[in-house]
Amino acid sequence: MIARITLYIIVTFLIAAHFLRMGNVIAVALCLVAPLLFLVRQRWSLLLLQWLAYVAAVVWLATAWQIVAPRWSSGEPWLRAAAILVAVAAINVLAGGLLRSRTMQERYRER
């Protein structure tokens, strides 16, 4: 369970860094406080954390499209950027999916 939470915190820091680079301080703050929801041992908090991980994956894919599309149309190299951003999106999906494990579900069940 520690590994699942650690991976989630790492991807949270990655998306917070992305928002910081974009200048969105509010999103950075929300990303940095989101892992505190692990302290709320209720089902809704786990579902919200999963949802946030999946939304972050969508943000990474949208960013990949924003970077790759102009490069592709101008004939510049684009494959490495696409691979990196799609891999980061996949790690976000993995982090959200790992929160669906039996261990996590039992710890965050309705009371």
N, C-alpha and C. Protein backbone atom coordinates (compact mmCIF):
# COMPACT_ATOMS: atom_id res chain seq x y z
N MET A 1 0.82 -1.19 0.00
CA MET A 1 0.00 0.00 0.00
C MET A 1 0.87 1.26 0.00
N ILE A 2 2.01 1.21 0.67
CA ILE A 2 2.91 2.37 0.71
C ILE A 2 3.40 2.69 -0.70
N ALA A 3 3.69 1.67 -1.49
CA ALA A 3 4.18 1.89 -2.86
C ALA A 3 3.10 2.56 -3.71
N ARG A 4 1.85 2.17 -3.52
CA ARG A 4 0.76 2.78 -4.28
C ARG A 4 0.62 4.26 -3.95
N ILE A 5 0.67 4.56 -2.67
CA ILE A 5 0.53 5.95 -2.24
C ILE A 5 1.74 6.76 -2.68
N THR A 6 2.93 6.17 -2.61
CA THR A 6 4.15 6.87 -3.03
C THR A 6 4.09 7.19 -4.52
N LEU A 7 3.67 6.23 -5.34
CA LEU A 7 3.55 6.49 -6.78
C LEU A 7 2.55 7.61 -7.03
N TYR A 8 1.45 7.59 -6.30
CA TYR A 8 0.44 8.64 -6.46
C TYR A 8 1.02 10.01 -6.11
N ILE A 9 1.78 10.08 -5.04
CA ILE A 9 2.37 11.35 -4.63
C ILE A 9 3.37 11.83 -5.69
N ILE A 10 4.13 10.92 -6.27
CA ILE A 10 5.09 11.29 -7.32
C ILE A 10 4.36 11.88 -8.53
N VAL A 11 3.29 11.22 -8.98
CA VAL A 11 2.58 11.76 -10.14
C VAL A 11 1.88 13.07 -9.80
N THR A 12 1.50 13.23 -8.54
CA THR A 12 0.91 14.51 -8.12
C THR A 12 1.94 15.63 -8.22
N PHE A 13 3.17 15.35 -7.79
CA PHE A 13 4.24 16.34 -7.91
C PHE A 13 4.54 16.65 -9.37
N LEU A 14 4.49 15.64 -10.23
CA LEU A 14 4.74 15.87 -11.66
C LEU A 14 3.69 16.80 -12.27
N ILE A 15 2.42 16.55 -11.99
CA ILE A 15 1.39 17.41 -12.58
C ILE A 15 1.43 18.79 -11.93
N ALA A 16 1.81 18.87 -10.66
CA ALA A 16 1.95 20.18 -10.02
C ALA A 16 3.08 20.97 -10.69
N ALA A 17 4.18 20.30 -11.02
CA ALA A 17 5.28 20.97 -11.72
C ALA A 17 4.83 21.45 -13.10
N HIS A 18 4.01 20.65 -13.76
CA HIS A 18 3.48 21.05 -15.07
C HIS A 18 2.64 22.32 -14.93
N PHE A 19 1.76 22.34 -13.95
CA PHE A 19 0.93 23.53 -13.76
C PHE A 19 1.76 24.74 -13.33
N LEU A 20 2.82 24.49 -12.55
CA LEU A 20 3.70 25.59 -12.15
C LEU A 20 4.38 26.19 -13.37
N ARG A 21 4.81 25.35 -14.28
CA ARG A 21 5.44 25.84 -15.51
C ARG A 21 4.45 26.64 -16.35
N MET A 22 3.18 26.28 -16.28
CA MET A 22 2.15 27.00 -17.02
C MET A 22 1.71 28.26 -16.28
N GLY A 23 2.12 28.43 -15.01
CA GLY A 23 1.77 29.62 -14.24
C GLY A 23 0.46 29.53 -13.51
N ASN A 24 -0.11 28.34 -13.38
CA ASN A 24 -1.40 28.16 -12.72
C ASN A 24 -1.16 27.79 -11.25
N VAL A 25 -1.04 28.80 -10.41
CA VAL A 25 -0.69 28.59 -9.00
C VAL A 25 -1.81 27.89 -8.24
N ILE A 26 -3.05 28.16 -8.59
CA ILE A 26 -4.18 27.52 -7.91
C ILE A 26 -4.16 26.01 -8.15
N ALA A 27 -3.93 25.61 -9.40
CA ALA A 27 -3.86 24.18 -9.70
C ALA A 27 -2.67 23.53 -9.00
N VAL A 28 -1.57 24.25 -8.89
CA VAL A 28 -0.40 23.72 -8.17
C VAL A 28 -0.77 23.45 -6.72
N ALA A 29 -1.41 24.41 -6.08
CA ALA A 29 -1.81 24.25 -4.68
C ALA A 29 -2.77 23.07 -4.50
N LEU A 30 -3.73 22.95 -5.40
CA LEU A 30 -4.68 21.83 -5.31
C LEU A 30 -3.98 20.48 -5.50
N CYS A 31 -3.04 20.44 -6.41
CA CYS A 31 -2.30 19.19 -6.64
C CYS A 31 -1.46 18.81 -5.43
N LEU A 32 -0.87 19.80 -4.79
CA LEU A 32 -0.01 19.51 -3.65
C LEU A 32 -0.77 19.11 -2.40
N VAL A 33 -2.01 19.57 -2.26
CA VAL A 33 -2.80 19.17 -1.09
C VAL A 33 -3.65 17.92 -1.34
N ALA A 34 -3.80 17.52 -2.59
CA ALA A 34 -4.63 16.35 -2.92
C ALA A 34 -4.19 15.08 -2.18
N PRO A 35 -2.90 14.77 -2.06
CA PRO A 35 -2.52 13.55 -1.34
C PRO A 35 -2.94 13.53 0.12
N LEU A 36 -3.27 14.68 0.68
CA LEU A 36 -3.76 14.70 2.06
C LEU A 36 -5.10 13.97 2.19
N LEU A 37 -5.77 13.76 1.07
CA LEU A 37 -7.04 13.00 1.11
C LEU A 37 -6.81 11.53 1.50
N PHE A 38 -5.57 11.07 1.42
CA PHE A 38 -5.29 9.71 1.91
C PHE A 38 -5.52 9.60 3.42
N LEU A 39 -5.48 10.72 4.10
CA LEU A 39 -5.71 10.72 5.55
C LEU A 39 -7.19 10.58 5.89
N VAL A 40 -8.05 10.87 4.94
CA VAL A 40 -9.50 10.71 5.13
C VAL A 40 -9.85 9.29 4.69
N ARG A 41 -10.09 8.44 5.63
CA ARG A 41 -10.29 7.02 5.30
C ARG A 41 -11.76 6.73 5.01
N GLN A 42 -12.25 7.37 3.95
CA GLN A 42 -13.60 7.11 3.49
C GLN A 42 -13.57 6.84 1.99
N ARG A 43 -14.57 6.18 1.53
CA ARG A 43 -14.63 5.74 0.13
C ARG A 43 -14.57 6.92 -0.84
N TRP A 44 -15.26 8.01 -0.55
CA TRP A 44 -15.31 9.15 -1.46
C TRP A 44 -13.93 9.75 -1.68
N SER A 45 -13.10 9.74 -0.65
CA SER A 45 -11.76 10.33 -0.82
C SER A 45 -10.92 9.49 -1.78
N LEU A 46 -11.03 8.19 -1.70
CA LEU A 46 -10.30 7.32 -2.61
C LEU A 46 -10.80 7.48 -4.04
N LEU A 47 -12.12 7.59 -4.20
CA LEU A 47 -12.68 7.80 -5.53
C LEU A 47 -12.25 9.14 -6.12
N LEU A 48 -12.19 10.17 -5.30
CA LEU A 48 -11.74 11.48 -5.75
C LEU A 48 -10.27 11.44 -6.17
N LEU A 49 -9.45 10.74 -5.41
CA LEU A 49 -8.04 10.61 -5.76
C LEU A 49 -7.87 9.86 -7.09
N GLN A 50 -8.65 8.82 -7.29
CA GLN A 50 -8.62 8.09 -8.57
C GLN A 50 -9.02 9.01 -9.71
N TRP A 51 -10.08 9.73 -9.53
CA TRP A 51 -10.57 10.64 -10.56
C TRP A 51 -9.52 11.68 -10.90
N LEU A 52 -8.85 12.23 -9.88
CA LEU A 52 -7.81 13.23 -10.11
C LEU A 52 -6.64 12.65 -10.90
N ALA A 53 -6.29 11.40 -10.64
CA ALA A 53 -5.20 10.77 -11.40
C ALA A 53 -5.59 10.61 -12.87
N TYR A 54 -6.83 10.24 -13.13
CA TYR A 54 -7.28 10.08 -14.50
C TYR A 54 -7.38 11.43 -15.23
N VAL A 55 -7.81 12.46 -14.51
CA VAL A 55 -7.86 13.80 -15.10
C VAL A 55 -6.45 14.27 -15.44
N ALA A 56 -5.50 13.98 -14.56
CA ALA A 56 -4.11 14.36 -14.83
C ALA A 56 -3.60 13.66 -16.09
N ALA A 57 -4.00 12.40 -16.30
CA ALA A 57 -3.60 11.70 -17.52
C ALA A 57 -4.16 12.39 -18.75
N VAL A 58 -5.39 12.86 -18.66
CA VAL A 58 -5.98 13.59 -19.79
C VAL A 58 -5.23 14.89 -20.04
N VAL A 59 -4.83 15.57 -18.97
CA VAL A 59 -4.05 16.80 -19.11
C VAL A 59 -2.73 16.51 -19.82
N TRP A 60 -2.07 15.41 -19.44
CA TRP A 60 -0.80 15.05 -20.10
C TRP A 60 -1.02 14.72 -21.58
N LEU A 61 -2.10 14.05 -21.90
CA LEU A 61 -2.37 13.73 -23.31
C LEU A 61 -2.70 15.00 -24.11
N ALA A 62 -3.43 15.93 -23.50
CA ALA A 62 -3.71 17.19 -24.18
C ALA A 62 -2.42 17.98 -24.40
N THR A 63 -1.55 17.96 -23.43
CA THR A 63 -0.26 18.63 -23.57
C THR A 63 0.57 17.97 -24.67
N ALA A 64 0.52 16.65 -24.72
CA ALA A 64 1.23 15.94 -25.79
C ALA A 64 0.72 16.39 -27.15
N TRP A 65 -0.58 16.50 -27.28
CA TRP A 65 -1.16 16.93 -28.56
C TRP A 65 -0.72 18.35 -28.89
N GLN A 66 -0.71 19.24 -27.90
CA GLN A 66 -0.31 20.62 -28.13
C GLN A 66 1.15 20.73 -28.57
N ILE A 67 1.97 19.83 -28.10
CA ILE A 67 3.39 19.87 -28.45
C ILE A 67 3.65 19.15 -29.78
N VAL A 68 3.00 18.02 -29.96
CA VAL A 68 3.29 17.18 -31.12
C VAL A 68 2.67 17.74 -32.40
N ALA A 69 1.47 18.24 -32.35
CA ALA A 69 0.78 18.68 -33.58
C ALA A 69 1.58 19.72 -34.36
N PRO A 70 2.06 20.79 -33.74
CA PRO A 70 2.83 21.76 -34.52
C PRO A 70 4.15 21.19 -35.05
N ARG A 71 4.77 20.34 -34.25
CA ARG A 71 6.03 19.73 -34.70
C ARG A 71 5.80 18.82 -35.90
N TRP A 72 4.72 18.06 -35.83
CA TRP A 72 4.43 17.13 -36.91
C TRP A 72 4.14 17.88 -38.20
N SER A 73 3.34 18.93 -38.09
CA SER A 73 2.96 19.66 -39.29
C SER A 73 4.13 20.43 -39.90
N SER A 74 5.11 20.80 -39.08
CA SER A 74 6.27 21.53 -39.61
C SER A 74 7.43 20.61 -39.96
N GLY A 75 7.27 19.31 -39.75
CA GLY A 75 8.30 18.36 -40.11
C GLY A 75 9.42 18.23 -39.09
N GLU A 76 9.23 18.79 -37.91
CA GLU A 76 10.23 18.68 -36.84
C GLU A 76 10.09 17.33 -36.14
N PRO A 77 11.14 16.90 -35.41
CA PRO A 77 11.03 15.66 -34.64
C PRO A 77 9.96 15.78 -33.55
N TRP A 78 9.13 14.76 -33.44
CA TRP A 78 8.03 14.81 -32.48
C TRP A 78 7.87 13.52 -31.69
N LEU A 79 8.48 12.44 -32.14
CA LEU A 79 8.24 11.13 -31.56
C LEU A 79 8.69 11.04 -30.10
N ARG A 80 9.85 11.60 -29.77
CA ARG A 80 10.36 11.51 -28.41
C ARG A 80 9.45 12.26 -27.44
N ALA A 81 9.02 13.45 -27.81
CA ALA A 81 8.11 14.22 -26.95
C ALA A 81 6.81 13.47 -26.74
N ALA A 82 6.29 12.89 -27.81
CA ALA A 82 5.04 12.14 -27.69
C ALA A 82 5.21 10.93 -26.79
N ALA A 83 6.31 10.22 -26.95
CA ALA A 83 6.56 9.02 -26.14
C ALA A 83 6.67 9.37 -24.66
N ILE A 84 7.37 10.43 -24.35
CA ILE A 84 7.54 10.82 -22.96
C ILE A 84 6.21 11.20 -22.33
N LEU A 85 5.44 12.03 -23.01
CA LEU A 85 4.19 12.50 -22.43
C LEU A 85 3.13 11.40 -22.36
N VAL A 86 3.11 10.51 -23.33
CA VAL A 86 2.17 9.39 -23.27
C VAL A 86 2.56 8.45 -22.13
N ALA A 87 3.87 8.26 -21.92
CA ALA A 87 4.33 7.42 -20.81
C ALA A 87 3.94 8.03 -19.46
N VAL A 88 4.07 9.34 -19.33
CA VAL A 88 3.67 10.00 -18.09
C VAL A 88 2.16 9.87 -17.89
N ALA A 89 1.39 9.99 -18.95
CA ALA A 89 -0.06 9.80 -18.84
C ALA A 89 -0.38 8.36 -18.42
N ALA A 90 0.35 7.40 -18.97
CA ALA A 90 0.12 6.00 -18.60
C ALA A 90 0.46 5.76 -17.13
N ILE A 91 1.49 6.40 -16.63
CA ILE A 91 1.84 6.26 -15.22
C ILE A 91 0.75 6.85 -14.34
N ASN A 92 0.14 7.94 -14.78
CA ASN A 92 -0.99 8.51 -14.04
C ASN A 92 -2.17 7.54 -14.01
N VAL A 93 -2.44 6.92 -15.13
CA VAL A 93 -3.53 5.93 -15.18
C VAL A 93 -3.19 4.75 -14.27
N LEU A 94 -1.93 4.33 -14.27
CA LEU A 94 -1.50 3.24 -13.39
C LEU A 94 -1.68 3.63 -11.93
N ALA A 95 -1.29 4.85 -11.57
CA ALA A 95 -1.43 5.30 -10.18
C ALA A 95 -2.90 5.31 -9.76
N GLY A 96 -3.78 5.75 -10.65
CA GLY A 96 -5.21 5.72 -10.34
C GLY A 96 -5.74 4.30 -10.27
N GLY A 97 -5.27 3.46 -11.17
CA GLY A 97 -5.72 2.06 -11.18
C GLY A 97 -5.27 1.29 -9.96
N LEU A 98 -4.07 1.58 -9.46
CA LEU A 98 -3.58 0.89 -8.28
C LEU A 98 -4.39 1.22 -7.03
N LEU A 99 -5.07 2.35 -7.07
CA LEU A 99 -5.93 2.69 -5.94
C LEU A 99 -7.20 1.85 -5.92
N ARG A 100 -7.43 1.09 -6.96
CA ARG A 100 -8.61 0.22 -7.04
C ARG A 100 -8.34 -1.17 -6.49
N SER A 101 -7.14 -1.39 -5.93
CA SER A 101 -6.79 -2.72 -5.43
C SER A 101 -7.66 -3.10 -4.23
N ARG A 102 -7.69 -4.36 -3.95
CA ARG A 102 -8.50 -4.87 -2.84
C ARG A 102 -8.04 -4.28 -1.51
N THR A 103 -6.73 -4.16 -1.34
CA THR A 103 -6.18 -3.60 -0.10
C THR A 103 -6.68 -2.18 0.12
N MET A 104 -6.59 -1.38 -0.91
CA MET A 104 -7.03 0.01 -0.79
C MET A 104 -8.55 0.09 -0.59
N GLN A 105 -9.30 -0.75 -1.30
CA GLN A 105 -10.75 -0.73 -1.18
C GLN A 105 -11.19 -1.11 0.24
N GLU A 106 -10.50 -2.09 0.85
CA GLU A 106 -10.86 -2.49 2.21
C GLU A 106 -10.52 -1.40 3.21
N ARG A 107 -9.42 -0.72 3.00
CA ARG A 107 -9.01 0.33 3.94
C ARG A 107 -9.92 1.55 3.84
N TYR A 108 -10.47 1.81 2.67
CA TYR A 108 -11.30 2.99 2.44
C TYR A 108 -12.75 2.62 2.18
N ARG A 109 -13.26 1.61 2.85
CA ARG A 109 -14.66 1.24 2.65
C ARG A 109 -15.56 2.14 3.46
N GLU A 110 -16.84 2.13 3.07
CA GLU A 110 -17.83 2.94 3.77
C GLU A 110 -17.98 2.45 5.20
N ARG A 111 -18.15 3.37 6.09
CA ARG A 111 -18.31 3.01 7.52
C ARG A 111 -19.68 3.33 8.00
